[in-house]
């Protein structure tokens, strides 16, 4: 599943266009590398999202499920 679609259907980011913009502005990291919106996720990938003053880590699950690993203030 594409990264931008995962972020939208998991409701981490409200719209797919916002997910694309977040990727373009280098705010999303997958497995320690800056990710493009078109990246295909695999089960077990760790997604880090940097919001204004919050950093969230999400573990990429099997299709249809997701789990929030942790969040910390930045």
C-alpha atoms as a PDB file:
ATOM      1  CA  UNK A   1       0.000   0.000   0.000  1.00  0.00           C
ATOM      2  CA  UNK A   2       1.260   3.490  -0.826  1.00  0.00           C
ATOM      3  CA  UNK A   3       2.420   5.638   2.085  1.00  0.00           C
ATOM      4  CA  UNK A   4       0.046   8.530   1.343  1.00  0.00           C
ATOM      5  CA  UNK A   5      -2.947   6.187   1.105  1.00  0.00           C
ATOM      6  CA  UNK A   6      -1.989   4.462   4.385  1.00  0.00           C
ATOM      7  CA  UNK A   7      -1.758   7.796   6.208  1.00  0.00           C
ATOM      8  CA  UNK A   8      -5.211   8.758   4.942  1.00  0.00           C
ATOM      9  CA  UNK A   9      -7.104   5.514   5.629  1.00  0.00           C
ATOM     10  CA  UNK A  10      -5.503   5.144   9.065  1.00  0.00           C
ATOM     11  CA  UNK A  11      -6.721   8.705   9.795  1.00  0.00           C
ATOM     12  CA  UNK A  12      -3.292   9.854  10.898  1.00  0.00           C
ATOM     13  CA  UNK A  13      -3.516  12.592   8.258  1.00  0.00           C
ATOM     14  CA  UNK A  14      -6.928  13.836   7.196  1.00  0.00           C
ATOM     15  CA  UNK A  15      -6.495  13.986   3.412  1.00  0.00           C
ATOM     16  CA  UNK A  16      -4.249  12.304   0.898  1.00  0.00           C
ATOM     17  CA  UNK A  17      -3.148  15.655  -0.525  1.00  0.00           C
ATOM     18  CA  UNK A  18      -1.967  16.686   2.954  1.00  0.00           C
ATOM     19  CA  UNK A  19      -0.051  13.404   3.214  1.00  0.00           C
ATOM     20  CA  UNK A  20       1.616  14.192  -0.129  1.00  0.00           C
ATOM     21  CA  UNK A  21       2.548  17.680   1.103  1.00  0.00           C
ATOM     22  CA  UNK A  22       3.975  16.270   4.346  1.00  0.00           C
ATOM     23  CA  UNK A  23       6.156  13.877   2.343  1.00  0.00           C
ATOM     24  CA  UNK A  24       7.299  16.657   0.017  1.00  0.00           C
ATOM     25  CA  UNK A  25       8.298  18.807   3.017  1.00  0.00           C
ATOM     26  CA  UNK A  26      10.367  15.914   4.463  1.00  0.00           C
ATOM     27  CA  UNK A  27       8.222  15.472   7.580  1.00  0.00           C
ATOM     28  CA  UNK A  28       7.725  11.716   7.124  1.00  0.00           C
ATOM     29  CA  UNK A  29      10.492   9.180   7.679  1.00  0.00           C
ATOM     30  CA  UNK A  30      10.166   5.438   7.023  1.00  0.00           C
ATOM     31  CA  UNK A  31      12.793   3.120   8.506  1.00  0.00           C
ATOM     32  CA  UNK A  32      15.151   6.035   9.119  1.00  0.00           C
ATOM     33  CA  UNK A  33      14.963   7.492   5.593  1.00  0.00           C
ATOM     34  CA  UNK A  34      12.963  10.445   4.254  1.00  0.00           C
ATOM     35  CA  UNK A  35      10.021   8.949   2.340  1.00  0.00           C
ATOM     36  CA  UNK A  36       8.158   9.882  -0.808  1.00  0.00           C
ATOM     37  CA  UNK A  37       4.363   9.617  -0.924  1.00  0.00           C
ATOM     38  CA  UNK A  38       4.574   6.871  -3.538  1.00  0.00           C
ATOM     39  CA  UNK A  39       6.607   4.539  -1.303  1.00  0.00           C
ATOM     40  CA  UNK A  40       5.060   1.080  -0.989  1.00  0.00           C
ATOM     41  CA  UNK A  41       4.892   0.080   2.666  1.00  0.00           C
ATOM     42  CA  UNK A  42       5.776  -3.361   3.930  1.00  0.00           C
ATOM     43  CA  UNK A  43       4.563  -5.034   7.099  1.00  0.00           C
ATOM     44  CA  UNK A  44       6.750  -3.926  10.001  1.00  0.00           C
ATOM     45  CA  UNK A  45       7.941  -0.620   8.534  1.00  0.00           C
ATOM     46  CA  UNK A  46       8.339   2.115  11.148  1.00  0.00           C
ATOM     47  CA  UNK A  47       6.834   5.433  10.089  1.00  0.00           C
ATOM     48  CA  UNK A  48       7.850   8.616  11.927  1.00  0.00           C
ATOM     49  CA  UNK A  49       5.696  11.709  11.411  1.00  0.00           C
ATOM     50  CA  UNK A  50       6.805  15.155  12.576  1.00  0.00           C
ATOM     51  CA  UNK A  51       3.935  17.493  13.292  1.00  0.00           C
ATOM     52  CA  UNK A  52       4.491  21.050  14.599  1.00  0.00           C
ATOM     53  CA  UNK A  53       5.454  20.094  18.147  1.00  0.00           C
ATOM     54  CA  UNK A  54       4.786  16.349  18.149  1.00  0.00           C
ATOM     55  CA  UNK A  55       6.637  13.356  16.791  1.00  0.00           C
ATOM     56  CA  UNK A  56       4.603  10.170  16.239  1.00  0.00           C
ATOM     57  CA  UNK A  57       5.895   6.684  15.414  1.00  0.00           C
ATOM     58  CA  UNK A  58       3.589   4.166  13.742  1.00  0.00           C
ATOM     59  CA  UNK A  59       4.287   0.517  12.986  1.00  0.00           C
ATOM     60  CA  UNK A  60       3.107  -0.472   9.506  1.00  0.00           C
ATOM     61  CA  UNK A  61       0.753  -3.417  10.021  1.00  0.00           C
ATOM     62  CA  UNK A  62      -0.999  -5.898   7.816  1.00  0.00           C
ATOM     63  CA  UNK A  63      -3.533  -4.311   5.451  1.00  0.00           C
ATOM     64  CA  UNK A  64      -6.505  -2.846   7.310  1.00  0.00           C
ATOM     65  CA  UNK A  65      -4.873  -2.565  10.734  1.00  0.00           C
ATOM     66  CA  UNK A  66      -2.480  -0.095  12.332  1.00  0.00           C
ATOM     67  CA  UNK A  67      -0.840   0.441  15.702  1.00  0.00           C
ATOM     68  CA  UNK A  68       0.564   3.611  17.230  1.00  0.00           C
ATOM     69  CA  UNK A  69       3.920   2.838  18.812  1.00  0.00           C
ATOM     70  CA  UNK A  70       4.475   6.120  20.635  1.00  0.00           C
ATOM     71  CA  UNK A  71       4.441   9.865  20.517  1.00  0.00           C
ATOM     72  CA  UNK A  72       6.658  12.442  22.126  1.00  0.00           C
ATOM     73  CA  UNK A  73       6.677  16.212  22.331  1.00  0.00           C
ATOM     74  CA  UNK A  74       9.421  17.918  20.406  1.00  0.00           C
END
